[in-house]
């Protein structure tokens, strides 16, 4: 892509960001939705997702309570 096109794209992104941050009228809300759609990562390509968090492999409430009191594991 040419330098001129890159600069125009950057100016448009800055304008959209400024409008989206104000959130005072309909155009600002539309800019926010557009930026959200553009910047959202695809579900299958999200490198920040964690399998443990998704499968909810965490403490149950009793186990967490025992851990916080410093009791040994059973």
C-alpha atoms as a PDB file:
ATOM      1  CA  UNK A   1       0.000   0.000   0.000  1.00  0.00           C
ATOM      2  CA  UNK A   2       1.306   3.452  -0.800  1.00  0.00           C
ATOM      3  CA  UNK A   3       2.425   5.901   1.836  1.00  0.00           C
ATOM      4  CA  UNK A   4      -0.460   8.246   1.011  1.00  0.00           C
ATOM      5  CA  UNK A   5      -3.001   5.478   1.531  1.00  0.00           C
ATOM      6  CA  UNK A   6      -1.380   4.488   4.843  1.00  0.00           C
ATOM      7  CA  UNK A   7      -1.509   8.110   6.043  1.00  0.00           C
ATOM      8  CA  UNK A   8      -5.158   8.425   5.031  1.00  0.00           C
ATOM      9  CA  UNK A   9      -5.977   5.199   6.853  1.00  0.00           C
ATOM     10  CA  UNK A  10      -4.200   6.433   9.976  1.00  0.00           C
ATOM     11  CA  UNK A  11      -6.037   9.792   9.849  1.00  0.00           C
ATOM     12  CA  UNK A  12      -9.364   8.000   9.462  1.00  0.00           C
ATOM     13  CA  UNK A  13      -8.586   5.744  12.430  1.00  0.00           C
ATOM     14  CA  UNK A  14      -7.662   8.769  14.565  1.00  0.00           C
ATOM     15  CA  UNK A  15     -10.863  10.553  13.560  1.00  0.00           C
ATOM     16  CA  UNK A  16     -12.946   7.477  14.361  1.00  0.00           C
ATOM     17  CA  UNK A  17     -11.207   7.112  17.724  1.00  0.00           C
ATOM     18  CA  UNK A  18     -11.832  10.742  18.660  1.00  0.00           C
ATOM     19  CA  UNK A  19     -15.491  10.530  17.668  1.00  0.00           C
ATOM     20  CA  UNK A  20     -15.974   7.209  19.456  1.00  0.00           C
ATOM     21  CA  UNK A  21     -14.456   8.516  22.686  1.00  0.00           C
ATOM     22  CA  UNK A  22     -16.917  11.425  22.930  1.00  0.00           C
ATOM     23  CA  UNK A  23     -20.141   9.377  22.839  1.00  0.00           C
ATOM     24  CA  UNK A  24     -22.417  12.426  22.691  1.00  0.00           C
ATOM     25  CA  UNK A  25     -24.552  11.723  19.635  1.00  0.00           C
ATOM     26  CA  UNK A  26     -25.551   9.033  17.149  1.00  0.00           C
ATOM     27  CA  UNK A  27     -22.492   9.431  14.911  1.00  0.00           C
ATOM     28  CA  UNK A  28     -20.181   8.962  17.912  1.00  0.00           C
ATOM     29  CA  UNK A  29     -21.957   5.736  18.877  1.00  0.00           C
ATOM     30  CA  UNK A  30     -21.790   4.489  15.285  1.00  0.00           C
ATOM     31  CA  UNK A  31     -18.037   5.195  15.233  1.00  0.00           C
ATOM     32  CA  UNK A  32     -17.650   3.237  18.471  1.00  0.00           C
ATOM     33  CA  UNK A  33     -19.513   0.237  17.038  1.00  0.00           C
ATOM     34  CA  UNK A  34     -17.483   0.400  13.842  1.00  0.00           C
ATOM     35  CA  UNK A  35     -14.187   0.472  15.750  1.00  0.00           C
ATOM     36  CA  UNK A  36     -15.360  -2.373  17.960  1.00  0.00           C
ATOM     37  CA  UNK A  37     -16.157  -4.478  14.927  1.00  0.00           C
ATOM     38  CA  UNK A  38     -12.863  -3.645  13.215  1.00  0.00           C
ATOM     39  CA  UNK A  39     -10.651  -4.236  16.267  1.00  0.00           C
ATOM     40  CA  UNK A  40     -12.332  -7.371  17.652  1.00  0.00           C
ATOM     41  CA  UNK A  41     -10.171 -10.473  17.440  1.00  0.00           C
ATOM     42  CA  UNK A  42     -11.668 -13.544  15.780  1.00  0.00           C
ATOM     43  CA  UNK A  43     -12.799 -16.203  18.259  1.00  0.00           C
ATOM     44  CA  UNK A  44     -10.588 -18.946  16.828  1.00  0.00           C
ATOM     45  CA  UNK A  45      -7.537 -16.707  16.405  1.00  0.00           C
ATOM     46  CA  UNK A  46      -7.556 -15.141  19.871  1.00  0.00           C
ATOM     47  CA  UNK A  47      -4.127 -15.932  21.310  1.00  0.00           C
ATOM     48  CA  UNK A  48      -5.081 -14.486  24.705  1.00  0.00           C
ATOM     49  CA  UNK A  49      -7.718 -17.115  25.440  1.00  0.00           C
ATOM     50  CA  UNK A  50      -6.810 -19.635  28.099  1.00  0.00           C
ATOM     51  CA  UNK A  51      -8.187 -23.178  28.080  1.00  0.00           C
ATOM     52  CA  UNK A  52      -8.234 -23.319  31.887  1.00  0.00           C
ATOM     53  CA  UNK A  53     -10.322 -20.168  32.105  1.00  0.00           C
ATOM     54  CA  UNK A  54     -12.681 -21.324  29.358  1.00  0.00           C
ATOM     55  CA  UNK A  55     -13.212 -24.733  30.950  1.00  0.00           C
ATOM     56  CA  UNK A  56     -13.541 -23.135  34.416  1.00  0.00           C
ATOM     57  CA  UNK A  57     -10.966 -25.368  36.097  1.00  0.00           C
ATOM     58  CA  UNK A  58     -10.619 -23.335  39.269  1.00  0.00           C
ATOM     59  CA  UNK A  59     -11.207 -23.566  42.996  1.00  0.00           C
ATOM     60  CA  UNK A  60     -14.561 -24.607  44.366  1.00  0.00           C
ATOM     61  CA  UNK A  61     -15.669 -22.388  47.300  1.00  0.00           C
ATOM     62  CA  UNK A  62     -14.682 -24.910  50.015  1.00  0.00           C
ATOM     63  CA  UNK A  63     -11.283 -25.503  48.452  1.00  0.00           C
ATOM     64  CA  UNK A  64     -10.685 -21.749  48.182  1.00  0.00           C
ATOM     65  CA  UNK A  65     -11.661 -21.248  51.823  1.00  0.00           C
ATOM     66  CA  UNK A  66      -9.239 -23.979  52.950  1.00  0.00           C
ATOM     67  CA  UNK A  67      -6.476 -22.459  50.808  1.00  0.00           C
ATOM     68  CA  UNK A  68      -7.024 -18.978  52.264  1.00  0.00           C
ATOM     69  CA  UNK A  69      -6.858 -20.347  55.832  1.00  0.00           C
ATOM     70  CA  UNK A  70      -3.592 -22.125  54.982  1.00  0.00           C
ATOM     71  CA  UNK A  71      -4.852 -25.651  55.543  1.00  0.00           C
ATOM     72  CA  UNK A  72      -3.019 -28.453  53.709  1.00  0.00           C
ATOM     73  CA  UNK A  73      -4.615 -30.136  50.720  1.00  0.00           C
ATOM     74  CA  UNK A  74      -6.653 -33.284  51.293  1.00  0.00           C
END
